[in-house]
Amino acid sequence: MFEVTIEETFAAGHALRNYKGKCENVHGHNYRCQVSLAGETLDEIGLLVDFVELKKAVHAVIDRMDHQWLNDLPPFDKLNPSAENMARFIYDEVEAALPPRSGVGIQFVRLWETDTCSATYRRA
């Protein structure tokens, strides 16, 4: 099994709805986002996925979130902008943006809110 992983960063603000504690207040994070793809076979030139294509797909998502108030952006205008929900959103958006290739899929999306706290989304 081959795995290819990239990591990118962005900054955004949010407030967690229906949360009792500090995070219900307006605050922001310098997020770190890791996206990993996996597959059994490489293409004809020996790549699982082109890093350039993967970075382009990830940036298409996180650039829309960078330096934004997440609570105003769909789907987070309705869905709580928790790290868990954000990781799943990034997963779904990147998956839709990548050209399909048989046997290659997203392994996981991990999103750090701080240096020591992260949430991971992967499909079962």
C-alpha atoms as a PDB file:
ATOM      1  CA  MET A   1       0.000   0.000   0.000  1.00  0.00           C
ATOM      2  CA  PHE A   2       1.300   3.426  -0.977  1.00  0.00           C
ATOM      3  CA  GLU A   3       0.338   6.593   0.882  1.00  0.00           C
ATOM      4  CA  VAL A   4       0.874  10.203  -0.163  1.00  0.00           C
ATOM      5  CA  THR A   5       0.291  13.005   2.336  1.00  0.00           C
ATOM      6  CA  ILE A   6       0.348  16.788   2.132  1.00  0.00           C
ATOM      7  CA  GLU A   7      -0.021  19.377   4.842  1.00  0.00           C
ATOM      8  CA  GLU A   8      -1.275  22.943   4.446  1.00  0.00           C
ATOM      9  CA  THR A   9      -2.268  25.747   6.819  1.00  0.00           C
ATOM     10  CA  PHE A  10      -4.943  28.419   7.017  1.00  0.00           C
ATOM     11  CA  ALA A  11      -6.383  30.781   9.621  1.00  0.00           C
ATOM     12  CA  ALA A  12     -10.060  31.269  10.387  1.00  0.00           C
ATOM     13  CA  GLY A  13     -12.453  32.372  13.106  1.00  0.00           C
ATOM     14  CA  HIS A  14     -15.526  30.651  14.485  1.00  0.00           C
ATOM     15  CA  ALA A  15     -17.765  30.137  17.511  1.00  0.00           C
ATOM     16  CA  LEU A  16     -19.266  26.810  18.480  1.00  0.00           C
ATOM     17  CA  ARG A  17     -23.049  26.886  18.767  1.00  0.00           C
ATOM     18  CA  ASN A  18     -24.681  25.224  21.782  1.00  0.00           C
ATOM     19  CA  TYR A  19     -21.303  24.737  23.443  1.00  0.00           C
ATOM     20  CA  LYS A  20     -20.941  25.614  27.104  1.00  0.00           C
ATOM     21  CA  GLY A  21     -17.447  26.977  27.617  1.00  0.00           C
ATOM     22  CA  LYS A  22     -14.851  29.302  26.132  1.00  0.00           C
ATOM     23  CA  CYS A  23     -15.307  28.010  22.593  1.00  0.00           C
ATOM     24  CA  GLU A  24     -18.858  29.357  22.410  1.00  0.00           C
ATOM     25  CA  ASN A  25     -17.222  32.794  22.185  1.00  0.00           C
ATOM     26  CA  VAL A  26     -15.715  34.315  19.070  1.00  0.00           C
ATOM     27  CA  HIS A  27     -12.184  32.976  18.568  1.00  0.00           C
ATOM     28  CA  GLY A  28      -9.834  31.803  15.854  1.00  0.00           C
ATOM     29  CA  HIS A  29      -7.249  29.201  15.037  1.00  0.00           C
ATOM     30  CA  ASN A  30      -4.222  28.745  12.859  1.00  0.00           C
ATOM     31  CA  TYR A  31      -5.368  25.439  11.393  1.00  0.00           C
ATOM     32  CA  ARG A  32      -3.058  22.766  10.030  1.00  0.00           C
ATOM     33  CA  CYS A  33      -4.667  20.376   7.567  1.00  0.00           C
ATOM     34  CA  GLN A  34      -3.209  17.033   6.539  1.00  0.00           C
ATOM     35  CA  VAL A  35      -4.703  15.074   3.643  1.00  0.00           C
ATOM     36  CA  SER A  36      -3.521  11.550   2.905  1.00  0.00           C
ATOM     37  CA  LEU A  37      -4.334   9.384  -0.133  1.00  0.00           C
ATOM     38  CA  ALA A  38      -3.669   5.657  -0.387  1.00  0.00           C
ATOM     39  CA  GLY A  39      -3.655   2.998  -3.066  1.00  0.00           C
ATOM     40  CA  GLU A  40      -2.118  -0.300  -4.090  1.00  0.00           C
ATOM     41  CA  THR A  41      -0.708   0.662  -7.493  1.00  0.00           C
ATOM     42  CA  LEU A  42       1.223   3.518  -9.027  1.00  0.00           C
ATOM     43  CA  ASP A  43       0.516   5.095 -12.395  1.00  0.00           C
ATOM     44  CA  GLU A  44       2.670   4.578 -15.496  1.00  0.00           C
ATOM     45  CA  ILE A  45       5.306   7.068 -14.298  1.00  0.00           C
ATOM     46  CA  GLY A  46       5.465   5.750 -10.744  1.00  0.00           C
ATOM     47  CA  LEU A  47       3.122   8.144  -8.907  1.00  0.00           C
ATOM     48  CA  LEU A  48       0.181   7.377  -6.678  1.00  0.00           C
ATOM     49  CA  VAL A  49      -1.029  10.944  -7.169  1.00  0.00           C
ATOM     50  CA  ASP A  50       0.691  14.090  -8.364  1.00  0.00           C
ATOM     51  CA  PHE A  51       1.460  16.309  -5.348  1.00  0.00           C
ATOM     52  CA  VAL A  52       0.558  19.329  -7.497  1.00  0.00           C
ATOM     53  CA  GLU A  53      -2.944  17.939  -8.188  1.00  0.00           C
ATOM     54  CA  LEU A  54      -3.487  17.079  -4.530  1.00  0.00           C
ATOM     55  CA  LYS A  55      -2.345  20.501  -3.329  1.00  0.00           C
ATOM     56  CA  LYS A  56      -4.560  22.191  -5.925  1.00  0.00           C
ATOM     57  CA  ALA A  57      -7.601  20.226  -4.714  1.00  0.00           C
ATOM     58  CA  VAL A  58      -6.859  20.982  -1.057  1.00  0.00           C
ATOM     59  CA  HIS A  59      -6.272  24.678  -1.715  1.00  0.00           C
ATOM     60  CA  ALA A  60      -9.542  24.925  -3.627  1.00  0.00           C
ATOM     61  CA  VAL A  61     -11.214  24.150  -0.292  1.00  0.00           C
ATOM     62  CA  ILE A  62      -9.059  25.810   2.340  1.00  0.00           C
ATOM     63  CA  ASP A  63      -8.529  29.021   0.365  1.00  0.00           C
ATOM     64  CA  ARG A  64     -12.297  29.617   0.639  1.00  0.00           C
ATOM     65  CA  MET A  65     -11.993  29.229   4.427  1.00  0.00           C
ATOM     66  CA  ASP A  66      -8.757  31.162   4.957  1.00  0.00           C
ATOM     67  CA  HIS A  67      -9.179  34.362   6.984  1.00  0.00           C
ATOM     68  CA  GLN A  68     -12.952  33.939   7.053  1.00  0.00           C
ATOM     69  CA  TRP A  69     -15.624  33.822   9.722  1.00  0.00           C
ATOM     70  CA  LEU A  70     -16.613  30.165   9.301  1.00  0.00           C
ATOM     71  CA  ASN A  71     -20.051  30.549  10.887  1.00  0.00           C
ATOM     72  CA  ASP A  72     -21.130  32.600   7.839  1.00  0.00           C
ATOM     73  CA  LEU A  73     -19.846  30.137   5.200  1.00  0.00           C
ATOM     74  CA  PRO A  74     -21.949  27.229   3.954  1.00  0.00           C
ATOM     75  CA  PRO A  75     -22.232  24.578   5.257  1.00  0.00           C
ATOM     76  CA  PHE A  76     -21.094  26.066   8.579  1.00  0.00           C
ATOM     77  CA  ASP A  77     -23.840  28.661   8.547  1.00  0.00           C
ATOM     78  CA  LYS A  78     -26.037  25.685   9.593  1.00  0.00           C
ATOM     79  CA  LEU A  79     -23.514  23.007  10.619  1.00  0.00           C
ATOM     80  CA  ASN A  80     -21.427  23.683  13.729  1.00  0.00           C
ATOM     81  CA  PRO A  81     -17.852  24.578  12.627  1.00  0.00           C
ATOM     82  CA  SER A  82     -16.198  22.015  14.891  1.00  0.00           C
ATOM     83  CA  ALA A  83     -12.871  20.521  13.880  1.00  0.00           C
ATOM     84  CA  GLU A  84     -14.672  17.209  13.281  1.00  0.00           C
ATOM     85  CA  ASN A  85     -17.225  18.738  10.902  1.00  0.00           C
ATOM     86  CA  MET A  86     -14.530  20.766   9.168  1.00  0.00           C
ATOM     87  CA  ALA A  87     -12.373  17.656   8.611  1.00  0.00           C
ATOM     88  CA  ARG A  88     -15.305  15.840   7.004  1.00  0.00           C
ATOM     89  CA  PHE A  89     -16.165  18.872   4.860  1.00  0.00           C
ATOM     90  CA  ILE A  90     -12.562  19.105   3.604  1.00  0.00           C
ATOM     91  CA  TYR A  91     -12.551  15.342   2.910  1.00  0.00           C
ATOM     92  CA  ASP A  92     -15.761  15.516   0.856  1.00  0.00           C
ATOM     93  CA  GLU A  93     -14.688  18.606  -1.097  1.00  0.00           C
ATOM     94  CA  VAL A  94     -11.202  17.280  -1.894  1.00  0.00           C
ATOM     95  CA  GLU A  95     -12.630  13.911  -2.911  1.00  0.00           C
ATOM     96  CA  ALA A  96     -15.017  15.640  -5.338  1.00  0.00           C
ATOM     97  CA  ALA A  97     -12.221  17.820  -6.776  1.00  0.00           C
ATOM     98  CA  LEU A  98      -9.672  15.071  -7.450  1.00  0.00           C
ATOM     99  CA  PRO A  99      -9.783  13.296 -10.796  1.00  0.00           C
ATOM    100  CA  PRO A 100     -11.048   9.763 -10.179  1.00  0.00           C
ATOM    101  CA  ARG A 101      -8.437   7.020 -10.324  1.00  0.00           C
ATOM    102  CA  SER A 102      -9.272   3.392  -9.716  1.00  0.00           C
ATOM    103  CA  GLY A 103      -7.903   2.051  -6.460  1.00  0.00           C
ATOM    104  CA  VAL A 104      -6.802   5.436  -5.073  1.00  0.00           C
ATOM    105  CA  GLY A 105      -8.762   7.214  -2.374  1.00  0.00           C
ATOM    106  CA  ILE A 106      -8.469   9.550   0.534  1.00  0.00           C
ATOM    107  CA  GLN A 107      -7.158   7.712   3.561  1.00  0.00           C
ATOM    108  CA  PHE A 108      -7.951  10.522   6.008  1.00  0.00           C
ATOM    109  CA  VAL A 109      -8.134  14.254   6.622  1.00  0.00           C
ATOM    110  CA  ARG A 110      -6.628  15.440   9.913  1.00  0.00           C
ATOM    111  CA  LEU A 111      -7.258  18.993  11.059  1.00  0.00           C
ATOM    112  CA  TRP A 112      -5.324  20.563  13.927  1.00  0.00           C
ATOM    113  CA  GLU A 113      -6.839  23.518  15.785  1.00  0.00           C
ATOM    114  CA  THR A 114      -3.746  23.810  17.967  1.00  0.00           C
ATOM    115  CA  ASP A 115      -0.366  22.113  18.110  1.00  0.00           C
ATOM    116  CA  THR A 116      -1.802  19.488  20.444  1.00  0.00           C
ATOM    117  CA  CYS A 117      -5.471  19.079  19.365  1.00  0.00           C
ATOM    118  CA  SER A 118      -6.682  17.540  16.118  1.00  0.00           C
ATOM    119  CA  ALA A 119      -9.711  15.813  14.633  1.00  0.00           C
ATOM    120  CA  THR A 120      -9.524  13.132  11.936  1.00  0.00           C
ATOM    121  CA  TYR A 121     -12.138  12.032   9.411  1.00  0.00           C
ATOM    122  CA  ARG A 122     -11.876   8.808   7.422  1.00  0.00           C
ATOM    123  CA  ARG A 123     -14.526   6.716   5.736  1.00  0.00           C
ATOM    124  CA  ALA A 124     -15.081   3.264   7.174  1.00  0.00           C
END
